[in-house]
Amino acid sequence: MAQTLTLADRTHTTTLTREALLARPDVREITLDRDPVYGRAMTYRALPATALLKDLTVGADDYMQAKATDDFSVSIPAHLLGEAYIAIEPAATPWPKMPGVDKGTAGPFYLIWRAANPAAISSEYWSYHLAALTVTDSPTKRWPQLGVAAGAPDQVRHGLERFVSVCLACHRFDGAGEGTMGPDLGRPMNPAAWFQPAALKKFIRNPKSVRDWPDAKMPALSPESLTDSDIDAIVAWLEYKLLKH
């Protein structure tokens, strides 16, 4: 497991050790009533994300690409990071192992959130095994094949936003994205082409309710992390992309 955290914008890269981060005077204790990864209250030594990113050049419309040591990669709107903290696992007192998965602890770095509007924070933004934060363009600017036309229905636009914030961490679409944990949802076929809408919505909510296999990785998604209307919107976006292909 990497013991350093890399921070980068378009021109500069900085690498920080766990020891250096823990020695900073702005480290504070953060207690979460319910950590979504651990499923219980947790207390961390953490730094405000903005304190670490203040020397980076970040535009108003930029995103931060959070990359983990297992190649998990999620795009986060940079303006949200004012409500994020980077938790640092002390080597002498490691955190508990994460429940339900054989991946050890969430450390040594873990992006946690204390948000005024928790609904704005995708479950995927809680990035454990964090290795790097990099300033990037928005996903639709980086990968135009994700985008929709100016006159697209609001539901389709909402579906794109939710796909980017929840699904793109694991899935690519027609080559767009950095996720490698799940299949590309545009190649060779869009799932809207071979799933009936009701079955596709059920599959997004809980894949095992439709089919199961030994190497299945996608967990069920709770209504708190993805509402029924969010799923309807993602399916509407997939259907839109199918028609526009």
Protein backbone atom coordinates (compact mmCIF):
# COMPACT_ATOMS: atom_id res chain seq x y z
CA MET A 1 0.00 0.00 0.00
CA ALA A 2 1.42 3.39 -1.01
CA GLN A 3 2.49 5.51 1.94
CA THR A 4 2.59 8.79 0.00
CA LEU A 5 -0.10 11.09 -1.35
CA THR A 6 0.40 12.87 -4.69
CA LEU A 7 -1.22 16.26 -5.39
CA ALA A 8 -1.07 17.73 -8.89
CA ASP A 9 -2.44 20.48 -11.07
CA ARG A 10 -1.68 21.01 -14.76
CA THR A 11 1.88 22.21 -14.14
CA HIS A 12 3.04 21.03 -10.71
CA THR A 13 3.16 17.77 -8.77
CA THR A 14 3.85 17.35 -5.05
CA THR A 15 4.30 14.10 -3.15
CA LEU A 16 3.74 14.04 0.62
CA THR A 17 4.50 11.31 3.12
CA ARG A 18 2.17 10.13 5.83
CA GLU A 19 4.61 11.28 8.49
CA ALA A 20 4.86 14.78 7.00
CA LEU A 21 1.09 15.13 6.86
CA LEU A 22 0.57 13.95 10.43
CA ALA A 23 3.20 16.44 11.62
CA ARG A 24 1.35 19.46 10.18
CA PRO A 25 -0.06 21.90 12.75
CA ASP A 26 -3.47 21.98 11.01
CA VAL A 27 -4.17 18.29 11.58
CA ARG A 28 -7.37 17.95 13.57
CA GLU A 29 -9.57 15.22 15.01
CA ILE A 30 -12.71 14.54 12.99
CA THR A 31 -15.51 12.33 14.31
CA LEU A 32 -18.17 10.99 11.98
CA ASP A 33 -21.41 9.71 13.50
CA ARG A 34 -21.63 7.13 10.72
CA ASP A 35 -18.82 6.49 8.30
CA PRO A 36 -20.41 4.95 5.15
CA VAL A 37 -17.44 2.67 4.47
CA TYR A 38 -17.23 1.32 8.01
CA GLY A 39 -20.95 1.59 8.74
CA ARG A 40 -20.38 3.05 12.21
CA ALA A 41 -18.93 6.01 14.07
CA MET A 42 -15.26 6.66 13.34
CA THR A 43 -12.71 9.21 14.54
CA TYR A 44 -9.81 10.27 12.34
CA ARG A 45 -6.80 12.54 12.34
CA ALA A 46 -7.42 14.58 9.23
CA LEU A 47 -6.56 17.69 7.25
CA PRO A 48 -9.02 19.95 5.43
CA ALA A 49 -8.68 19.15 1.74
CA THR A 50 -8.52 22.85 0.93
CA ALA A 51 -5.45 23.25 3.16
CA LEU A 52 -3.56 20.72 1.06
CA LEU A 53 -4.85 21.99 -2.27
CA LYS A 54 -4.35 25.72 -1.67
CA ASP A 55 -1.09 25.80 -3.65
CA LEU A 56 -2.67 24.16 -6.70
CA THR A 57 -4.21 26.13 -9.53
CA VAL A 58 -7.88 25.16 -9.64
CA GLY A 59 -10.46 26.77 -11.94
CA ALA A 60 -14.08 27.38 -11.01
CA ASP A 61 -15.28 24.60 -13.33
CA ASP A 62 -12.44 22.17 -12.65
CA TYR A 63 -12.74 18.72 -11.16
CA MET A 64 -10.40 16.72 -8.93
CA GLN A 65 -9.63 13.20 -10.03
CA ALA A 66 -9.26 11.05 -6.91
CA LYS A 67 -7.26 7.92 -7.66
CA ALA A 68 -6.83 4.96 -5.34
CA THR A 69 -4.11 2.34 -5.17
CA ASP A 70 -6.47 -0.28 -6.68
CA ASP A 71 -7.08 1.89 -9.83
CA PHE A 72 -10.43 3.16 -8.55
CA SER A 73 -10.80 6.66 -10.00
CA VAL A 74 -13.58 9.20 -9.48
CA SER A 75 -14.10 12.76 -10.76
CA ILE A 76 -15.22 15.19 -8.03
CA PRO A 77 -16.32 18.80 -8.66
CA ALA A 78 -13.49 20.84 -7.13
CA HIS A 79 -15.87 23.32 -5.50
CA LEU A 80 -17.18 20.55 -3.24
CA LEU A 81 -13.80 19.95 -1.62
CA GLY A 82 -14.38 22.74 0.88
CA GLU A 83 -16.40 20.10 2.77
CA ALA A 84 -13.82 17.32 2.46
CA TYR A 85 -11.01 16.12 4.70
CA ILE A 86 -8.11 13.82 4.03
CA ALA A 87 -7.91 11.32 6.87
CA ILE A 88 -4.44 9.96 7.62
CA GLU A 89 -3.96 6.57 9.21
CA PRO A 90 -1.21 6.57 11.86
CA ALA A 91 1.20 3.68 11.36
CA ALA A 92 1.29 2.95 15.09
CA THR A 93 -2.50 2.82 15.51
CA PRO A 94 -4.03 1.48 12.29
CA TRP A 95 -7.74 1.76 11.62
CA PRO A 96 -9.99 -1.31 11.73
CA LYS A 97 -10.30 -3.50 8.68
CA MET A 98 -13.19 -2.54 6.42
CA PRO A 99 -16.23 -4.79 6.87
CA GLY A 100 -17.41 -7.11 4.15
CA VAL A 101 -14.34 -6.86 1.93
CA ASP A 102 -10.86 -8.31 2.12
CA LYS A 103 -9.06 -5.03 1.48
CA GLY A 104 -7.59 -4.24 4.87
CA THR A 105 -8.17 -0.79 6.34
CA ALA A 106 -9.31 2.31 4.45
CA GLY A 107 -5.84 3.85 4.83
CA PRO A 108 -3.29 5.11 4.66
CA PHE A 109 -5.25 8.03 3.14
CA TYR A 110 -9.02 8.33 2.91
CA LEU A 111 -11.17 11.18 1.55
CA ILE A 112 -13.97 11.81 4.05
CA TRP A 113 -16.78 14.37 4.08
CA ARG A 114 -18.63 16.58 6.54
CA ALA A 115 -21.10 18.14 4.14
CA ALA A 116 -23.86 20.66 4.82
CA ASN A 117 -25.77 18.96 2.00
CA PRO A 118 -24.91 15.23 2.16
CA ALA A 119 -27.09 14.52 -0.88
CA ALA A 120 -24.56 16.41 -3.02
CA ILE A 121 -21.81 13.98 -2.02
CA SER A 122 -21.84 10.79 -4.07
CA SER A 123 -21.08 7.60 -2.17
CA GLU A 124 -18.18 7.20 -4.60
CA TYR A 125 -16.55 10.40 -3.33
CA TRP A 126 -15.62 8.58 -0.11
CA SER A 127 -12.39 7.41 -1.68
CA TYR A 128 -10.38 5.03 0.50
CA HIS A 129 -6.84 3.81 -0.30
CA LEU A 130 -6.40 7.28 -1.77
CA ALA A 131 -3.14 7.73 -3.71
CA ALA A 132 -3.54 10.97 -5.68
CA LEU A 133 -5.68 14.06 -6.24
CA THR A 134 -5.23 15.68 -9.65
CA VAL A 135 -6.82 18.81 -11.13
CA THR A 136 -8.63 18.00 -14.38
CA ASP A 137 -11.23 19.34 -16.76
CA SER A 138 -14.83 18.25 -16.24
CA PRO A 139 -15.63 14.71 -17.41
CA THR A 140 -17.80 15.98 -20.27
CA LYS A 141 -14.97 18.21 -21.47
CA ARG A 142 -12.42 15.39 -21.21
CA TRP A 143 -14.75 12.90 -22.86
CA PRO A 144 -17.27 14.61 -25.19
CA GLN A 145 -18.94 11.26 -25.95
CA LEU A 146 -20.61 11.51 -22.54
CA GLY A 147 -22.37 14.77 -23.36
CA VAL A 148 -25.91 15.56 -24.45
CA ALA A 149 -27.28 18.19 -26.82
CA ALA A 150 -28.30 21.62 -25.60
CA GLY A 151 -31.99 20.78 -25.97
CA ALA A 152 -31.87 17.43 -24.16
CA PRO A 153 -34.60 16.86 -21.54
CA ASP A 154 -33.78 17.76 -17.93
CA GLN A 155 -34.16 14.12 -16.89
CA VAL A 156 -31.47 13.10 -19.38
CA ARG A 157 -29.16 15.84 -18.10
CA HIS A 158 -29.74 14.68 -14.55
CA GLY A 159 -29.01 11.13 -15.63
CA LEU A 160 -25.66 12.21 -17.07
CA GLU A 161 -24.77 14.02 -13.84
CA ARG A 162 -25.61 10.98 -11.73
CA PHE A 163 -23.81 8.60 -14.08
CA VAL A 164 -20.67 10.73 -13.78
CA SER A 165 -20.85 11.02 -9.98
CA VAL A 166 -21.87 7.43 -9.16
CA CYS A 167 -21.09 5.11 -12.08
CA LEU A 168 -18.05 6.51 -13.89
CA ALA A 169 -15.74 5.56 -11.03
CA CYS A 170 -16.08 1.90 -12.01
CA HIS A 171 -17.48 1.95 -15.56
CA ARG A 172 -16.40 3.63 -18.75
CA PHE A 173 -18.91 4.62 -21.42
CA ASP A 174 -17.90 4.25 -25.06
CA GLY A 175 -14.28 4.58 -23.97
CA ALA A 176 -14.90 7.62 -21.76
CA GLY A 177 -13.59 7.51 -18.20
CA GLU A 178 -10.80 5.88 -16.24
CA GLY A 179 -12.73 3.16 -14.42
CA THR A 180 -11.54 -0.42 -14.85
CA MET A 181 -13.49 -2.24 -12.12
CA GLY A 182 -16.60 -2.77 -14.26
CA PRO A 183 -17.35 -3.18 -17.98
CA ASP A 184 -17.62 -0.35 -20.50
CA LEU A 185 -21.34 0.46 -20.69
CA GLY A 186 -21.18 1.70 -24.28
CA ARG A 187 -19.07 -1.03 -25.87
CA PRO A 188 -19.86 -3.34 -27.45
CA MET A 189 -23.50 -2.61 -26.58
CA ASN A 190 -25.35 -0.08 -24.46
CA PRO A 191 -27.28 -1.99 -21.74
CA ALA A 192 -30.42 -0.10 -22.79
CA ALA A 193 -30.26 -2.12 -26.01
CA TRP A 194 -30.53 -5.51 -24.33
CA PHE A 195 -32.29 -4.83 -21.00
CA GLN A 196 -35.96 -4.05 -20.69
CA PRO A 197 -36.22 -0.71 -18.78
CA ALA A 198 -37.77 -2.26 -15.66
CA ALA A 199 -35.09 -4.98 -15.52
CA LEU A 200 -32.30 -2.44 -16.09
CA LYS A 201 -33.55 -0.28 -13.23
CA LYS A 202 -33.76 -3.32 -10.98
CA PHE A 203 -30.25 -4.36 -12.02
CA ILE A 204 -28.81 -0.92 -11.20
CA ARG A 205 -30.43 -0.98 -7.78
CA ASN A 206 -29.17 -4.47 -6.95
CA PRO A 207 -27.46 -6.58 -9.64
CA LYS A 208 -27.91 -9.80 -7.67
CA SER A 209 -31.69 -9.36 -7.83
CA VAL A 210 -31.46 -9.96 -11.59
CA ARG A 211 -28.48 -12.24 -12.01
CA ASP A 212 -25.47 -13.37 -10.00
CA TRP A 213 -22.10 -14.89 -10.81
CA PRO A 214 -18.95 -15.71 -8.79
CA ASP A 215 -16.88 -12.68 -9.89
CA ALA A 216 -19.67 -10.11 -9.51
CA LYS A 217 -18.33 -6.93 -7.89
CA MET A 218 -21.11 -4.35 -8.09
CA PRO A 219 -22.91 -3.95 -4.75
CA ALA A 220 -26.53 -3.03 -4.20
CA LEU A 221 -27.03 0.75 -4.16
CA SER A 222 -29.09 2.15 -1.32
CA PRO A 223 -31.85 4.73 -1.93
CA GLU A 224 -29.72 7.16 0.09
CA SER A 225 -26.86 6.93 -2.42
CA LEU A 226 -29.06 6.64 -5.52
CA THR A 227 -32.78 7.44 -5.44
CA ASP A 228 -35.37 5.80 -7.67
CA SER A 229 -35.62 9.04 -9.64
CA ASP A 230 -31.82 9.02 -10.08
CA ILE A 231 -32.01 5.50 -11.52
CA ASP A 232 -34.86 6.54 -13.82
CA ALA A 233 -32.69 9.43 -15.02
CA ILE A 234 -29.61 7.25 -15.63
CA VAL A 235 -31.73 4.86 -17.71
CA ALA A 236 -33.16 7.86 -19.61
CA TRP A 237 -29.59 9.01 -20.37
CA LEU A 238 -28.57 5.52 -21.52
CA GLU A 239 -31.63 5.36 -23.78
CA TYR A 240 -30.81 8.83 -25.13
CA LYS A 241 -27.24 7.76 -25.92
CA LEU A 242 -28.55 4.61 -27.61
CA LEU A 243 -30.78 6.66 -29.92
CA LYS A 244 -28.00 9.15 -30.68
CA HIS A 245 -25.34 6.51 -31.37
